[in-house]
Every structure is written in C-alpha cells, then in structure tokens.
C-alpha atoms as a PDB file:
ATOM      1  CA  MET A   1      -0.146  -0.203  -0.229  1.00  0.00           C
ATOM      2  CA  THR A   2       1.202   3.068  -0.964  1.00  0.00           C
ATOM      3  CA  ALA A   3       0.238   7.043   0.315  1.00  0.00           C
ATOM      4  CA  ASN A   4      -2.830   8.236  -0.783  1.00  0.00           C
ATOM      5  CA  ASP A   5      -4.422   4.547  -1.802  1.00  0.00           C
ATOM      6  CA  ASP A   6      -7.345   4.947   0.854  1.00  0.00           C
ATOM      7  CA  LEU A   7      -8.035   8.003  -1.226  1.00  0.00           C
ATOM      8  CA  LYS A   8      -7.715   6.317  -4.298  1.00  0.00           C
ATOM      9  CA  ALA A   9      -9.985   3.626  -3.435  1.00  0.00           C
ATOM     10  CA  LEU A  10     -13.240   6.191  -3.719  1.00  0.00           C
ATOM     11  CA  ILE A  11     -12.370   7.040  -6.780  1.00  0.00           C
ATOM     12  CA  ARG A  12     -14.856   5.288  -9.184  1.00  0.00           C
ATOM     13  CA  THR A  13     -13.380   4.769 -13.756  1.00  0.00           C
ATOM     14  CA  ILE A  14     -15.985   4.755 -15.458  1.00  0.00           C
ATOM     15  CA  PRO A  15     -14.166   3.844 -18.925  1.00  0.00           C
ATOM     16  CA  ASP A  16     -15.318   4.943 -22.061  1.00  0.00           C
ATOM     17  CA  PHE A  17     -16.787   8.196 -20.897  1.00  0.00           C
ATOM     18  CA  PRO A  18     -16.936  10.745 -22.920  1.00  0.00           C
ATOM     19  CA  LYS A  19     -15.761   8.751 -25.935  1.00  0.00           C
ATOM     20  CA  PRO A  20     -14.392   5.528 -26.192  1.00  0.00           C
ATOM     21  CA  GLY A  21     -10.413   5.156 -25.300  1.00  0.00           C
ATOM     22  CA  ILE A  22     -10.828   7.716 -22.508  1.00  0.00           C
ATOM     23  CA  GLN A  23     -10.962   5.908 -18.729  1.00  0.00           C
ATOM     24  CA  PHE A  24     -12.817   8.995 -16.871  1.00  0.00           C
ATOM     25  CA  ARG A  25     -11.537   9.807 -13.059  1.00  0.00           C
ATOM     26  CA  ASP A  26     -14.986  10.123 -11.145  1.00  0.00           C
ATOM     27  CA  ILE A  27     -14.390  11.908  -8.141  1.00  0.00           C
ATOM     28  CA  THR A  28     -17.933  12.234  -7.412  1.00  0.00           C
ATOM     29  CA  THR A  29     -17.519   8.894  -5.483  1.00  0.00           C
ATOM     30  CA  LEU A  30     -15.215  10.400  -3.155  1.00  0.00           C
ATOM     31  CA  LEU A  31     -17.447  13.736  -2.624  1.00  0.00           C
ATOM     32  CA  LEU A  32     -19.761  11.273  -1.098  1.00  0.00           C
ATOM     33  CA  ASP A  33     -17.766  10.326   1.641  1.00  0.00           C
ATOM     34  CA  PRO A  34     -17.450  12.428   4.429  1.00  0.00           C
ATOM     35  CA  LYS A  35     -14.412  10.964   6.021  1.00  0.00           C
ATOM     36  CA  GLY A  36     -12.649  10.679   2.050  1.00  0.00           C
ATOM     37  CA  PHE A  37     -13.139  14.309   1.418  1.00  0.00           C
ATOM     38  CA  ALA A  38     -12.270  15.382   4.698  1.00  0.00           C
ATOM     39  CA  THR A  39      -8.634  13.822   4.395  1.00  0.00           C
ATOM     40  CA  ALA A  40      -8.400  14.779   1.253  1.00  0.00           C
ATOM     41  CA  ILE A  41      -8.160  18.120   2.385  1.00  0.00           C
ATOM     42  CA  ASP A  42      -6.265  17.731   5.227  1.00  0.00           C
ATOM     43  CA  ARG A  43      -3.456  16.324   3.721  1.00  0.00           C
ATOM     44  CA  MET A  44      -3.586  18.931   0.531  1.00  0.00           C
ATOM     45  CA  ALA A  45      -3.590  21.519   3.423  1.00  0.00           C
ATOM     46  CA  ALA A  46      -0.221  19.763   5.038  1.00  0.00           C
ATOM     47  CA  ALA A  47       1.157  19.963   0.881  1.00  0.00           C
ATOM     48  CA  THR A  48       0.722  23.768   1.505  1.00  0.00           C
ATOM     49  CA  ARG A  49       3.875  25.838   1.327  1.00  0.00           C
ATOM     50  CA  GLY A  50       3.532  28.774   3.460  1.00  0.00           C
ATOM     51  CA  GLU A  51       1.096  30.717   4.201  1.00  0.00           C
ATOM     52  CA  VAL A  52      -1.669  31.460   1.511  1.00  0.00           C
ATOM     53  CA  ASP A  53      -3.944  34.362   1.426  1.00  0.00           C
ATOM     54  CA  LEU A  54      -5.814  33.585  -1.089  1.00  0.00           C
ATOM     55  CA  ILE A  55      -7.195  30.096  -2.791  1.00  0.00           C
ATOM     56  CA  ALA A  56      -7.935  30.345  -6.263  1.00  0.00           C
ATOM     57  CA  GLY A  57     -10.901  27.396  -7.391  1.00  0.00           C
ATOM     58  CA  ILE A  58     -10.939  26.711 -11.465  1.00  0.00           C
ATOM     59  CA  GLU A  59     -15.077  26.538 -12.040  1.00  0.00           C
ATOM     60  CA  ALA A  60     -16.687  24.210 -11.125  1.00  0.00           C
ATOM     61  CA  ARG A  61     -15.130  21.212  -9.190  1.00  0.00           C
ATOM     62  CA  GLY A  62     -11.983  23.445  -8.116  1.00  0.00           C
ATOM     63  CA  PHE A  63     -14.848  25.557  -6.420  1.00  0.00           C
ATOM     64  CA  LEU A  64     -15.087  22.801  -3.715  1.00  0.00           C
ATOM     65  CA  PHE A  65     -11.501  22.353  -2.925  1.00  0.00           C
ATOM     66  CA  ALA A  66     -10.806  25.581  -2.970  1.00  0.00           C
ATOM     67  CA  ALA A  67     -13.719  26.393  -0.117  1.00  0.00           C
ATOM     68  CA  ALA A  68     -12.867  23.601   1.601  1.00  0.00           C
ATOM     69  CA  LEU A  69      -8.760  24.430   1.872  1.00  0.00           C
ATOM     70  CA  ALA A  70      -9.284  28.107   2.696  1.00  0.00           C
ATOM     71  CA  VAL A  71     -11.252  27.070   6.030  1.00  0.00           C
ATOM     72  CA  PRO A  72      -7.890  25.342   7.652  1.00  0.00           C
ATOM     73  CA  LEU A  73      -5.566  28.011   5.490  1.00  0.00           C
ATOM     74  CA  ASN A  74      -7.401  31.172   7.106  1.00  0.00           C
ATOM     75  CA  ALA A  75      -7.548  32.224   3.457  1.00  0.00           C
ATOM     76  CA  GLY A  76     -10.281  33.641   0.963  1.00  0.00           C
ATOM     77  CA  VAL A  77     -11.574  31.885  -2.013  1.00  0.00           C
ATOM     78  CA  LEU A  78     -11.003  33.135  -5.784  1.00  0.00           C
ATOM     79  CA  LEU A  79     -13.087  32.005  -8.259  1.00  0.00           C
ATOM     80  CA  ILE A  80     -11.853  32.006 -11.543  1.00  0.00           C
ATOM     81  CA  ARG A  81     -15.393  31.055 -14.057  1.00  0.00           C
ATOM     82  CA  LYS A  82     -15.555  30.464 -17.700  1.00  0.00           C
ATOM     83  CA  ASP A  83     -16.878  33.812 -19.520  1.00  0.00           C
ATOM     84  CA  GLY A  84     -20.355  35.261 -18.506  1.00  0.00           C
ATOM     85  CA  LYS A  85     -20.181  34.022 -15.544  1.00  0.00           C
ATOM     86  CA  LEU A  86     -19.162  36.662 -13.041  1.00  0.00           C
ATOM     87  CA  PRO A  87     -21.250  40.303 -12.313  1.00  0.00           C
ATOM     88  CA  GLY A  88     -19.329  43.046 -12.173  1.00  0.00           C
ATOM     89  CA  ALA A  89     -16.100  44.193 -14.078  1.00  0.00           C
ATOM     90  CA  THR A  90     -13.742  41.653 -14.825  1.00  0.00           C
ATOM     91  CA  ILE A  91     -10.114  40.384 -16.481  1.00  0.00           C
ATOM     92  CA  ALA A  92      -9.933  37.307 -18.672  1.00  0.00           C
ATOM     93  CA  GLU A  93      -7.107  35.078 -20.093  1.00  0.00           C
ATOM     94  CA  ASP A  94      -8.011  33.131 -24.005  1.00  0.00           C
ATOM     95  CA  TYR A  95      -6.553  30.161 -23.845  1.00  0.00           C
ATOM     96  CA  ALA A  96      -5.890  27.249 -26.924  1.00  0.00           C
ATOM     97  CA  LEU A  97      -8.038  23.910 -26.559  1.00  0.00           C
ATOM     98  CA  GLU A  98      -7.575  20.645 -28.482  1.00  0.00           C
ATOM     99  CA  TYR A  99     -10.214  21.823 -30.829  1.00  0.00           C
ATOM    100  CA  GLY A 100     -10.520  25.697 -30.423  1.00  0.00           C
ATOM    101  CA  HIS A 101     -10.276  28.406 -27.609  1.00  0.00           C
ATOM    102  CA  ASP A 102     -11.876  29.263 -24.702  1.00  0.00           C
ATOM    103  CA  ARG A 103     -11.865  32.314 -21.743  1.00  0.00           C
ATOM    104  CA  ILE A 104     -12.079  32.726 -17.737  1.00  0.00           C
ATOM    105  CA  VAL A 105     -12.673  35.196 -16.608  1.00  0.00           C
ATOM    106  CA  MET A 106     -11.861  36.694 -12.537  1.00  0.00           C
ATOM    107  CA  HIS A 107     -13.220  39.785 -11.045  1.00  0.00           C
ATOM    108  CA  GLU A 108     -10.661  42.984 -11.470  1.00  0.00           C
ATOM    109  CA  ASP A 109     -10.788  43.551  -8.089  1.00  0.00           C
ATOM    110  CA  ALA A 110     -10.263  40.267  -6.408  1.00  0.00           C
ATOM    111  CA  LEU A 111      -7.061  40.189  -5.017  1.00  0.00           C
ATOM    112  CA  VAL A 112      -4.736  43.025  -4.075  1.00  0.00           C
ATOM    113  CA  PRO A 113      -1.517  43.150  -6.014  1.00  0.00           C
ATOM    114  CA  GLY A 114       1.641  40.558  -4.231  1.00  0.00           C
ATOM    115  CA  ALA A 115      -1.784  38.469  -3.060  1.00  0.00           C
ATOM    116  CA  ARG A 116       0.104  34.965  -2.218  1.00  0.00           C
ATOM    117  CA  VAL A 117      -2.301  33.085  -4.286  1.00  0.00           C
ATOM    118  CA  LEU A 118      -2.712  29.251  -3.970  1.00  0.00           C
ATOM    119  CA  LEU A 119      -4.328  27.382  -7.508  1.00  0.00           C
ATOM    120  CA  VAL A 120      -6.132  24.266  -6.793  1.00  0.00           C
ATOM    121  CA  ASP A 121      -8.517  22.261  -8.883  1.00  0.00           C
ATOM    122  CA  ASP A 122      -9.852  18.177  -8.562  1.00  0.00           C
ATOM    123  CA  LEU A 123      -7.730  17.512 -11.755  1.00  0.00           C
ATOM    124  CA  ILE A 124      -4.820  18.518 -13.784  1.00  0.00           C
ATOM    125  CA  ALA A 125      -4.581  16.824 -17.666  1.00  0.00           C
ATOM    126  CA  THR A 126      -3.092  19.010 -19.937  1.00  0.00           C
ATOM    127  CA  GLY A 127      -2.747  21.780 -17.949  1.00  0.00           C
ATOM    128  CA  GLY A 128      -4.506  24.297 -20.501  1.00  0.00           C
ATOM    129  CA  THR A 129      -7.126  25.670 -17.769  1.00  0.00           C
ATOM    130  CA  ALA A 130      -4.286  25.728 -15.101  1.00  0.00           C
ATOM    131  CA  ARG A 131      -1.220  27.994 -16.409  1.00  0.00           C
ATOM    132  CA  ALA A 132      -4.124  30.250 -17.957  1.00  0.00           C
ATOM    133  CA  ALA A 133      -5.386  30.836 -14.474  1.00  0.00           C
ATOM    134  CA  VAL A 134      -1.757  31.408 -13.637  1.00  0.00           C
ATOM    135  CA  ARG A 135      -1.884  34.143 -16.056  1.00  0.00           C
ATOM    136  CA  LEU A 136      -4.810  35.802 -15.252  1.00  0.00           C
ATOM    137  CA  ILE A 137      -3.348  35.834 -11.502  1.00  0.00           C
ATOM    138  CA  ARG A 138      -0.407  37.045 -12.397  1.00  0.00           C
ATOM    139  CA  LYS A 139      -1.819  39.543 -14.797  1.00  0.00           C
ATOM    140  CA  ALA A 140      -3.940  40.906 -11.718  1.00  0.00           C
ATOM    141  CA  GLY A 141      -0.760  41.083 -10.061  1.00  0.00           C
ATOM    142  CA  GLY A 142      -0.808  38.046  -7.720  1.00  0.00           C
ATOM    143  CA  VAL A 143       2.033  35.602  -6.354  1.00  0.00           C
ATOM    144  CA  VAL A 144       1.027  32.311  -7.711  1.00  0.00           C
ATOM    145  CA  GLU A 145       3.923  29.531  -7.406  1.00  0.00           C
ATOM    146  CA  GLN A 146       2.291  26.534  -5.991  1.00  0.00           C
ATOM    147  CA  ALA A 147      -1.007  24.552  -7.331  1.00  0.00           C
ATOM    148  CA  GLN A 148      -2.756  21.575  -6.093  1.00  0.00           C
ATOM    149  CA  PHE A 149      -4.898  18.679  -7.234  1.00  0.00           C
ATOM    150  CA  LEU A 150      -6.597  16.027  -6.052  1.00  0.00           C
ATOM    151  CA  VAL A 151      -5.608  13.618  -9.343  1.00  0.00           C
ATOM    152  CA  ASP A 152      -2.924  14.172 -11.318  1.00  0.00           C
ATOM    153  CA  LEU A 153      -2.986  12.456 -14.987  1.00  0.00           C
ATOM    154  CA  PRO A 154       0.578  12.237 -15.898  1.00  0.00           C
ATOM    155  CA  ASP A 155       0.890  10.904 -19.356  1.00  0.00           C
ATOM    156  CA  LEU A 156      -0.777  14.479 -20.131  1.00  0.00           C
ATOM    157  CA  GLY A 157       2.086  16.646 -19.343  1.00  0.00           C
ATOM    158  CA  GLY A 158      -0.037  19.058 -17.606  1.00  0.00           C
ATOM    159  CA  THR A 159       2.018  19.139 -14.028  1.00  0.00           C
ATOM    160  CA  GLU A 160       4.952  19.362 -16.305  1.00  0.00           C
ATOM    161  CA  ALA A 161       3.763  22.649 -17.945  1.00  0.00           C
ATOM    162  CA  LEU A 162       2.586  24.574 -14.621  1.00  0.00           C
ATOM    163  CA  ARG A 163       6.236  23.444 -13.625  1.00  0.00           C
ATOM    164  CA  ALA A 164       7.740  24.888 -16.594  1.00  0.00           C
ATOM    165  CA  GLU A 165       6.114  27.984 -15.240  1.00  0.00           C
ATOM    166  CA  GLY A 166       7.972  27.949 -12.366  1.00  0.00           C
ATOM    167  CA  LEU A 167       5.361  26.557  -9.917  1.00  0.00           C
ATOM    168  CA  ALA A 168       5.344  23.949  -7.457  1.00  0.00           C
ATOM    169  CA  VAL A 169       2.832  21.295  -8.416  1.00  0.00           C
ATOM    170  CA  ASP A 170       1.359  18.730  -5.772  1.00  0.00           C
ATOM    171  CA  SER A 171      -0.994  15.890  -6.355  1.00  0.00           C
ATOM    172  CA  LEU A 172      -2.259  13.562  -4.131  1.00  0.00           C
ATOM    173  CA  LEU A 173      -2.982  10.844  -6.468  1.00  0.00           C
ATOM    174  CA  ALA A 174      -1.641   9.865  -9.988  1.00  0.00           C
ATOM    175  CA  PHE A 175      -3.512   7.835 -13.060  1.00  0.00           C
ATOM    176  CA  PRO A 176      -1.813   6.434 -16.304  1.00  0.00           C
ATOM    177  CA  GLY A 177      -3.614   7.161 -19.095  1.00  0.00           C
ATOM    178  CA  HIS A 178      -6.067   9.943 -20.138  1.00  0.00           C
END
C-alpha cells in the first residue's frame, strides 16, 4: 500500500467516457464520503508551502476544494470562472483547447497586488486551463507559486507544463493514461 491508496480507492473509473478510449476518473464518489473528502482536504492543506492569502479554485469542481481548503489555511476564495458567469468588471485570459479556444475570467478587484495565491482544482490533465489561470492571476498582480490537485494524469503533461511556469505542483493521486 502506498500513500493515498485509501483515497484512490474512493475514486470510480468509468471506461469510455465521454468517448471511447477515455478512462474517466470520477471524484464524485470521493466527495460522497465525508471521511475521504476531509482526509483529502487535510492532506492538501498539509502540502501547502507557507502562508497563502487566497485559494483560487477553477470552475467548477475546483470551487469545492478551494472553499474547503480556505478554512484550515485561513484564506479567502478566489473564483476562476468561465466567461460570462461573473457580474461586474472582470479581467480575462484566453487559452487554446484541443479544437478551438476558451476564456476564463475573475473579478478585476478580486485580489490586491502581491497577494499570495494557491491554485487548486480537482484534476490536472493537459494543464491548459491551469496555465491560463496562472497567467490571469499574475496579470492581476497576484503571486502564484504553487498549485494543488486531487488527481494528476501525468501522461498528459499538465504538471510538467505548470512546473515550467515556475510552480511547485502537488497532487494526492496519479492515474496512468487519459
């Protein structure tokens, strides 16, 4: 048994979703387990380096982890959303998808320059959205040097892409493939 096997056992794999050949890692089964979810949050909090002012969660499942981590880390929650979902003035970052482009936004007054931000999401795959979130936070003057994920799909390269941007990256679990 290795570290975090207890959490890995709580994640269901659904073959061929959303298309043939994909092994979908369904975290909803972990979220349904109060002890498992609490354990995941405790371990993510323990992996945090230094103090942080804000936990940035990427829509939508990242919000769950950001809010839960904010409590033990005594930090605020910064929402990174899809375009068109936030009222008021926002700043945006565009990024490439496999077939096309997308945009994420945050409120332009969501952080003060120099705020220390921890980026969080449920899963890292190719890292495109996470890298766009890092650029967005930095554009607003935030200092983001670390990111945490429940699940890493290392074969897709997202963790290495974030490390190339100068971030320390931690994930509790890794699954081969995509």
